[in-house]
């Protein structure tokens, strides 16, 4: 007679490892990469001309995901502008800090600026601050404050540059670091606008050379 097998007791049941609990769907995107894609689009098209559908297509995220990660379109624009300023600052900070003749410093600063302004897969995009954020600053107090902060920060960096050059005897005693700083910043704004209009780099570099000659004197 066949004996019925007894059900396993708690003592002889095979051990089962606890499976890790699932905690919802993982993110299918990298926030920094998505923000970079949004930044590229805003730099190309500006705020008003960029729709949520455009942003969704560029980042590969649907609207709810975009909102959950970055907030509404305006918040995403502000985050993109903050990212742009951080990247631009990082590309310039060492040039401003390092010890070098003032002419060489200015040449390197403007070369770095042109590298930023002339970049873009579909053509030069210019400066985010000058070309797109400035237009939004008219009606948005928060963006206006960010733009003014960026312009003031650049003026101060240039003023410090000229002050050091004056102390080292590279500039005459009559030189006004604050006035020279505003001229240097104005040159930045000029090449930003012209690069957006696809003026060739060679012409932009000629503008830069002329401006530097005015600021620190032509080469002897």
C-alpha atoms as a PDB file:
ATOM      1  CA  UNK A   1       0.000   0.000   0.000  1.00  0.00           C
ATOM      2  CA  UNK A   2       1.418   3.401  -1.038  1.00  0.00           C
ATOM      3  CA  UNK A   3       2.004   5.702   1.876  1.00  0.00           C
ATOM      4  CA  UNK A   4       0.918   9.313   1.508  1.00  0.00           C
ATOM      5  CA  UNK A   5       3.764  11.732   1.821  1.00  0.00           C
ATOM      6  CA  UNK A   6       3.461  14.021   4.789  1.00  0.00           C
ATOM      7  CA  UNK A   7       3.435  17.752   4.162  1.00  0.00           C
ATOM      8  CA  UNK A   8       6.735  19.349   5.169  1.00  0.00           C
ATOM      9  CA  UNK A   9       6.765  20.788   8.630  1.00  0.00           C
ATOM     10  CA  UNK A  10       8.096  24.223   9.512  1.00  0.00           C
ATOM     11  CA  UNK A  11      11.309  22.556  10.606  1.00  0.00           C
ATOM     12  CA  UNK A  12      12.046  20.800   7.315  1.00  0.00           C
ATOM     13  CA  UNK A  13      10.606  23.309   4.840  1.00  0.00           C
ATOM     14  CA  UNK A  14      13.235  24.563   2.391  1.00  0.00           C
ATOM     15  CA  UNK A  15      14.447  28.044   3.246  1.00  0.00           C
ATOM     16  CA  UNK A  16      13.169  30.821   1.023  1.00  0.00           C
ATOM     17  CA  UNK A  17      15.116  33.980   0.708  1.00  0.00           C
ATOM     18  CA  UNK A  18      13.123  37.117   1.116  1.00  0.00           C
ATOM     19  CA  UNK A  19      12.801  38.827  -2.230  1.00  0.00           C
ATOM     20  CA  UNK A  20      13.567  42.532  -2.180  1.00  0.00           C
ATOM     21  CA  UNK A  21      10.488  44.671  -2.214  1.00  0.00           C
ATOM     22  CA  UNK A  22       9.925  46.668  -5.328  1.00  0.00           C
ATOM     23  CA  UNK A  23       9.771  50.375  -4.714  1.00  0.00           C
ATOM     24  CA  UNK A  24       7.979  51.672  -7.766  1.00  0.00           C
ATOM     25  CA  UNK A  25       9.379  52.331 -11.208  1.00  0.00           C
ATOM     26  CA  UNK A  26      12.972  53.540 -11.358  1.00  0.00           C
ATOM     27  CA  UNK A  27      13.747  56.765 -13.165  1.00  0.00           C
ATOM     28  CA  UNK A  28      14.217  56.156 -16.867  1.00  0.00           C
ATOM     29  CA  UNK A  29      16.169  59.388 -17.299  1.00  0.00           C
ATOM     30  CA  UNK A  30      19.174  61.202 -15.919  1.00  0.00           C
ATOM     31  CA  UNK A  31      18.096  64.577 -14.477  1.00  0.00           C
ATOM     32  CA  UNK A  32      21.320  66.362 -15.448  1.00  0.00           C
ATOM     33  CA  UNK A  33      21.154  65.058 -19.011  1.00  0.00           C
ATOM     34  CA  UNK A  34      17.475  66.026 -19.305  1.00  0.00           C
ATOM     35  CA  UNK A  35      18.253  69.497 -17.952  1.00  0.00           C
ATOM     36  CA  UNK A  36      21.035  69.860 -20.498  1.00  0.00           C
ATOM     37  CA  UNK A  37      18.614  68.979 -23.303  1.00  0.00           C
ATOM     38  CA  UNK A  38      16.132  71.556 -22.028  1.00  0.00           C
ATOM     39  CA  UNK A  39      18.909  74.137 -21.814  1.00  0.00           C
ATOM     40  CA  UNK A  40      19.907  73.475 -25.426  1.00  0.00           C
ATOM     41  CA  UNK A  41      16.319  73.986 -26.545  1.00  0.00           C
ATOM     42  CA  UNK A  42      15.754  77.174 -24.558  1.00  0.00           C
ATOM     43  CA  UNK A  43      19.020  78.614 -25.864  1.00  0.00           C
ATOM     44  CA  UNK A  44      17.952  77.891 -29.414  1.00  0.00           C
ATOM     45  CA  UNK A  45      14.295  78.948 -29.262  1.00  0.00           C
ATOM     46  CA  UNK A  46      13.851  81.104 -26.173  1.00  0.00           C
ATOM     47  CA  UNK A  47      11.111  80.728 -23.578  1.00  0.00           C
ATOM     48  CA  UNK A  48       7.965  81.735 -25.485  1.00  0.00           C
ATOM     49  CA  UNK A  49       8.714  79.703 -28.616  1.00  0.00           C
ATOM     50  CA  UNK A  50       9.451  76.505 -26.659  1.00  0.00           C
ATOM     51  CA  UNK A  51       6.388  74.401 -25.883  1.00  0.00           C
ATOM     52  CA  UNK A  52       5.993  71.627 -23.345  1.00  0.00           C
ATOM     53  CA  UNK A  53       5.696  69.201 -26.250  1.00  0.00           C
ATOM     54  CA  UNK A  54       9.060  70.450 -27.536  1.00  0.00           C
ATOM     55  CA  UNK A  55      10.610  69.925 -24.115  1.00  0.00           C
ATOM     56  CA  UNK A  56       9.050  66.490 -23.792  1.00  0.00           C
ATOM     57  CA  UNK A  57      10.459  65.433 -27.151  1.00  0.00           C
ATOM     58  CA  UNK A  58      13.905  66.874 -26.430  1.00  0.00           C
ATOM     59  CA  UNK A  59      14.253  65.294 -22.988  1.00  0.00           C
ATOM     60  CA  UNK A  60      12.428  62.025 -23.726  1.00  0.00           C
ATOM     61  CA  UNK A  61      10.142  62.660 -20.734  1.00  0.00           C
ATOM     62  CA  UNK A  62       6.384  62.972 -20.767  1.00  0.00           C
ATOM     63  CA  UNK A  63       4.687  66.028 -19.287  1.00  0.00           C
ATOM     64  CA  UNK A  64       3.907  64.539 -15.852  1.00  0.00           C
ATOM     65  CA  UNK A  65       7.520  63.364 -15.517  1.00  0.00           C
ATOM     66  CA  UNK A  66       8.825  66.779 -16.539  1.00  0.00           C
ATOM     67  CA  UNK A  67       6.623  68.478 -13.995  1.00  0.00           C
ATOM     68  CA  UNK A  68       7.558  66.006 -11.270  1.00  0.00           C
ATOM     69  CA  UNK A  69      11.281  66.458 -11.898  1.00  0.00           C
ATOM     70  CA  UNK A  70      11.564  70.170 -12.654  1.00  0.00           C
ATOM     71  CA  UNK A  71       8.239  71.899 -12.024  1.00  0.00           C
ATOM     72  CA  UNK A  72       6.379  73.897 -14.656  1.00  0.00           C
ATOM     73  CA  UNK A  73       7.874  75.370 -17.823  1.00  0.00           C
ATOM     74  CA  UNK A  74       8.994  78.567 -16.092  1.00  0.00           C
ATOM     75  CA  UNK A  75      10.717  76.641 -13.295  1.00  0.00           C
ATOM     76  CA  UNK A  76      12.488  74.472 -15.867  1.00  0.00           C
ATOM     77  CA  UNK A  77      13.594  77.612 -17.707  1.00  0.00           C
ATOM     78  CA  UNK A  78      15.032  79.089 -14.522  1.00  0.00           C
ATOM     79  CA  UNK A  79      16.822  75.832 -13.681  1.00  0.00           C
ATOM     80  CA  UNK A  80      18.223  75.767 -17.219  1.00  0.00           C
ATOM     81  CA  UNK A  81      19.461  79.335 -16.904  1.00  0.00           C
ATOM     82  CA  UNK A  82      21.093  78.526 -13.558  1.00  0.00           C
ATOM     83  CA  UNK A  83      22.821  75.551 -15.180  1.00  0.00           C
ATOM     84  CA  UNK A  84      24.052  77.766 -18.030  1.00  0.00           C
ATOM     85  CA  UNK A  85      25.514  80.290 -15.607  1.00  0.00           C
ATOM     86  CA  UNK A  86      27.253  77.562 -13.620  1.00  0.00           C
ATOM     87  CA  UNK A  87      28.789  76.092 -16.773  1.00  0.00           C
ATOM     88  CA  UNK A  88      29.870  79.510 -18.074  1.00  0.00           C
ATOM     89  CA  UNK A  89      31.375  80.427 -14.704  1.00  0.00           C
ATOM     90  CA  UNK A  90      33.295  77.146 -14.577  1.00  0.00           C
ATOM     91  CA  UNK A  91      34.794  77.799 -18.026  1.00  0.00           C
ATOM     92  CA  UNK A  92      36.029  81.262 -16.995  1.00  0.00           C
ATOM     93  CA  UNK A  93      36.945  81.085 -13.318  1.00  0.00           C
ATOM     94  CA  UNK A  94      40.474  79.743 -13.727  1.00  0.00           C
ATOM     95  CA  UNK A  95      41.296  82.328 -16.396  1.00  0.00           C
ATOM     96  CA  UNK A  96      40.315  85.114 -14.013  1.00  0.00           C
ATOM     97  CA  UNK A  97      42.264  83.548 -11.125  1.00  0.00           C
ATOM     98  CA  UNK A  98      45.544  82.635 -12.806  1.00  0.00           C
ATOM     99  CA  UNK A  99      48.442  85.063 -12.908  1.00  0.00           C
ATOM    100  CA  UNK A 100      49.147  86.315 -16.440  1.00  0.00           C
ATOM    101  CA  UNK A 101      49.511  89.604 -18.331  1.00  0.00           C
ATOM    102  CA  UNK A 102      46.233  91.472 -18.696  1.00  0.00           C
ATOM    103  CA  UNK A 103      46.221  91.279 -22.504  1.00  0.00           C
ATOM    104  CA  UNK A 104      46.683  87.517 -22.419  1.00  0.00           C
ATOM    105  CA  UNK A 105      43.946  87.195 -19.800  1.00  0.00           C
ATOM    106  CA  UNK A 106      41.483  89.164 -21.910  1.00  0.00           C
ATOM    107  CA  UNK A 107      42.357  87.204 -25.046  1.00  0.00           C
ATOM    108  CA  UNK A 108      41.690  83.933 -23.232  1.00  0.00           C
ATOM    109  CA  UNK A 109      38.434  85.172 -21.703  1.00  0.00           C
ATOM    110  CA  UNK A 110      37.040  86.242 -25.068  1.00  0.00           C
ATOM    111  CA  UNK A 111      38.235  83.044 -26.749  1.00  0.00           C
ATOM    112  CA  UNK A 112      36.398  80.995 -24.106  1.00  0.00           C
ATOM    113  CA  UNK A 113      33.283  83.148 -24.561  1.00  0.00           C
ATOM    114  CA  UNK A 114      33.323  82.629 -28.327  1.00  0.00           C
ATOM    115  CA  UNK A 115      33.634  78.883 -27.836  1.00  0.00           C
ATOM    116  CA  UNK A 116      30.398  79.005 -25.824  1.00  0.00           C
ATOM    117  CA  UNK A 117      28.532  81.401 -28.107  1.00  0.00           C
ATOM    118  CA  UNK A 118      29.423  79.665 -31.366  1.00  0.00           C
ATOM    119  CA  UNK A 119      28.525  76.185 -30.124  1.00  0.00           C
ATOM    120  CA  UNK A 120      25.369  74.362 -31.165  1.00  0.00           C
ATOM    121  CA  UNK A 121      24.462  71.464 -33.417  1.00  0.00           C
ATOM    122  CA  UNK A 122      22.212  73.607 -35.621  1.00  0.00           C
ATOM    123  CA  UNK A 123      24.248  76.796 -35.460  1.00  0.00           C
ATOM    124  CA  UNK A 124      25.621  79.409 -33.059  1.00  0.00           C
ATOM    125  CA  UNK A 125      23.388  80.077 -30.055  1.00  0.00           C
ATOM    126  CA  UNK A 126      25.011  83.152 -28.539  1.00  0.00           C
ATOM    127  CA  UNK A 127      24.749  83.942 -24.846  1.00  0.00           C
ATOM    128  CA  UNK A 128      21.717  82.764 -22.862  1.00  0.00           C
ATOM    129  CA  UNK A 129      21.806  85.884 -20.691  1.00  0.00           C
ATOM    130  CA  UNK A 130      22.006  88.410 -23.512  1.00  0.00           C
ATOM    131  CA  UNK A 131      19.917  86.688 -26.168  1.00  0.00           C
ATOM    132  CA  UNK A 132      17.046  84.975 -24.343  1.00  0.00           C
ATOM    133  CA  UNK A 133      16.993  85.647 -20.598  1.00  0.00           C
ATOM    134  CA  UNK A 134      17.144  89.415 -21.092  1.00  0.00           C
ATOM    135  CA  UNK A 135      13.837  89.339 -22.967  1.00  0.00           C
ATOM    136  CA  UNK A 136      12.140  87.418 -20.147  1.00  0.00           C
ATOM    137  CA  UNK A 137      13.638  89.796 -17.573  1.00  0.00           C
ATOM    138  CA  UNK A 138      11.289  92.528 -18.794  1.00  0.00           C
ATOM    139  CA  UNK A 139       8.229  90.891 -17.233  1.00  0.00           C
ATOM    140  CA  UNK A 140       9.628  88.385 -14.724  1.00  0.00           C
ATOM    141  CA  UNK A 141      11.200  89.887 -11.566  1.00  0.00           C
ATOM    142  CA  UNK A 142      12.998  86.669 -10.583  1.00  0.00           C
ATOM    143  CA  UNK A 143      14.629  86.240 -13.977  1.00  0.00           C
ATOM    144  CA  UNK A 144      15.434  89.968 -14.040  1.00  0.00           C
ATOM    145  CA  UNK A 145      17.235  89.635 -10.699  1.00  0.00           C
ATOM    146  CA  UNK A 146      19.229  86.670 -12.032  1.00  0.00           C
ATOM    147  CA  UNK A 147      20.206  88.586 -15.176  1.00  0.00           C
ATOM    148  CA  UNK A 148      21.317  91.638 -13.188  1.00  0.00           C
ATOM    149  CA  UNK A 149      23.253  89.403 -10.811  1.00  0.00           C
ATOM    150  CA  UNK A 150      25.062  87.789 -13.749  1.00  0.00           C
ATOM    151  CA  UNK A 151      25.901  91.129 -15.376  1.00  0.00           C
ATOM    152  CA  UNK A 152      27.126  92.569 -12.073  1.00  0.00           C
ATOM    153  CA  UNK A 153      29.236  89.483 -11.380  1.00  0.00           C
ATOM    154  CA  UNK A 154      30.937  89.837 -14.774  1.00  0.00           C
ATOM    155  CA  UNK A 155      31.583  93.565 -14.239  1.00  0.00           C
ATOM    156  CA  UNK A 156      33.181  92.853 -10.866  1.00  0.00           C
ATOM    157  CA  UNK A 157      35.386  90.095 -12.279  1.00  0.00           C
ATOM    158  CA  UNK A 158      36.639  92.378 -15.052  1.00  0.00           C
ATOM    159  CA  UNK A 159      37.144  95.290 -12.623  1.00  0.00           C
ATOM    160  CA  UNK A 160      39.304  93.094 -10.409  1.00  0.00           C
ATOM    161  CA  UNK A 161      41.267  92.027 -13.477  1.00  0.00           C
ATOM    162  CA  UNK A 162      42.018  95.642 -14.444  1.00  0.00           C
ATOM    163  CA  UNK A 163      42.731  96.641 -10.841  1.00  0.00           C
ATOM    164  CA  UNK A 164      45.412  93.970 -10.578  1.00  0.00           C
ATOM    165  CA  UNK A 165      46.876  95.022 -13.920  1.00  0.00           C
ATOM    166  CA  UNK A 166      47.038  98.651 -12.735  1.00  0.00           C
ATOM    167  CA  UNK A 167      48.794  97.628  -9.521  1.00  0.00           C
ATOM    168  CA  UNK A 168      51.376  95.695 -11.567  1.00  0.00           C
ATOM    169  CA  UNK A 169      52.045  98.705 -13.773  1.00  0.00           C
ATOM    170  CA  UNK A 170      50.434  97.234 -16.901  1.00  0.00           C
ATOM    171  CA  UNK A 171      47.971 100.131 -17.047  1.00  0.00           C
ATOM    172  CA  UNK A 172      48.569 103.851 -16.504  1.00  0.00           C
ATOM    173  CA  UNK A 173      47.701 105.559 -13.223  1.00  0.00           C
ATOM    174  CA  UNK A 174      44.810 107.312 -14.964  1.00  0.00           C
ATOM    175  CA  UNK A 175      43.132 103.991 -15.833  1.00  0.00           C
ATOM    176  CA  UNK A 176      39.671 103.501 -14.318  1.00  0.00           C
ATOM    177  CA  UNK A 177      39.134  99.755 -13.589  1.00  0.00           C
ATOM    178  CA  UNK A 178      35.353 100.139 -13.227  1.00  0.00           C
ATOM    179  CA  UNK A 179      34.972 101.959 -16.557  1.00  0.00           C
ATOM    180  CA  UNK A 180      37.260  99.468 -18.316  1.00  0.00           C
ATOM    181  CA  UNK A 181      35.221  96.614 -16.809  1.00  0.00           C
ATOM    182  CA  UNK A 182      32.012  97.983 -18.325  1.00  0.00           C
ATOM    183  CA  UNK A 183      33.729  98.264 -21.704  1.00  0.00           C
ATOM    184  CA  UNK A 184      34.993  94.681 -21.390  1.00  0.00           C
ATOM    185  CA  UNK A 185      31.500  93.447 -20.497  1.00  0.00           C
ATOM    186  CA  UNK A 186      29.977  95.431 -23.371  1.00  0.00           C
ATOM    187  CA  UNK A 187      32.380  93.654 -25.718  1.00  0.00           C
ATOM    188  CA  UNK A 188      31.159  90.323 -24.355  1.00  0.00           C
ATOM    189  CA  UNK A 189      27.558  91.360 -25.081  1.00  0.00           C
ATOM    190  CA  UNK A 190      28.455  92.546 -28.592  1.00  0.00           C
ATOM    191  CA  UNK A 191      30.117  89.310 -29.665  1.00  0.00           C
ATOM    192  CA  UNK A 192      27.265  87.335 -28.076  1.00  0.00           C
ATOM    193  CA  UNK A 193      24.651  89.066 -30.232  1.00  0.00           C
ATOM    194  CA  UNK A 194      26.756  88.957 -33.380  1.00  0.00           C
ATOM    195  CA  UNK A 195      27.591  85.284 -32.933  1.00  0.00           C
ATOM    196  CA  UNK A 196      23.867  84.536 -32.706  1.00  0.00           C
ATOM    197  CA  UNK A 197      23.509  86.337 -36.047  1.00  0.00           C
ATOM    198  CA  UNK A 198      26.172  83.970 -37.432  1.00  0.00           C
ATOM    199  CA  UNK A 199      28.878  86.560 -37.917  1.00  0.00           C
ATOM    200  CA  UNK A 200      32.041  84.553 -38.739  1.00  0.00           C
ATOM    201  CA  UNK A 201      34.459  83.917 -35.896  1.00  0.00           C
ATOM    202  CA  UNK A 202      37.251  85.729 -37.721  1.00  0.00           C
ATOM    203  CA  UNK A 203      35.212  88.942 -37.696  1.00  0.00           C
ATOM    204  CA  UNK A 204      34.316  88.495 -34.039  1.00  0.00           C
ATOM    205  CA  UNK A 205      37.968  88.000 -33.164  1.00  0.00           C
ATOM    206  CA  UNK A 206      38.785  91.245 -34.995  1.00  0.00           C
ATOM    207  CA  UNK A 207      36.225  93.069 -32.827  1.00  0.00           C
ATOM    208  CA  UNK A 208      37.798  91.527 -29.732  1.00  0.00           C
ATOM    209  CA  UNK A 209      41.308  92.557 -30.771  1.00  0.00           C
ATOM    210  CA  UNK A 210      40.203  96.143 -31.395  1.00  0.00           C
ATOM    211  CA  UNK A 211      38.443  96.299 -28.027  1.00  0.00           C
ATOM    212  CA  UNK A 212      41.477  94.914 -26.184  1.00  0.00           C
ATOM    213  CA  UNK A 213      43.716  97.480 -27.910  1.00  0.00           C
ATOM    214  CA  UNK A 214      41.417 100.245 -26.665  1.00  0.00           C
ATOM    215  CA  UNK A 215      41.319  98.846 -23.119  1.00  0.00           C
ATOM    216  CA  UNK A 216      45.000  98.074 -22.557  1.00  0.00           C
ATOM    217  CA  UNK A 217      46.769  99.768 -25.452  1.00  0.00           C
ATOM    218  CA  UNK A 218      47.982  98.355 -28.762  1.00  0.00           C
ATOM    219  CA  UNK A 219      51.084  96.205 -28.928  1.00  0.00           C
ATOM    220  CA  UNK A 220      54.237  98.272 -29.231  1.00  0.00           C
END
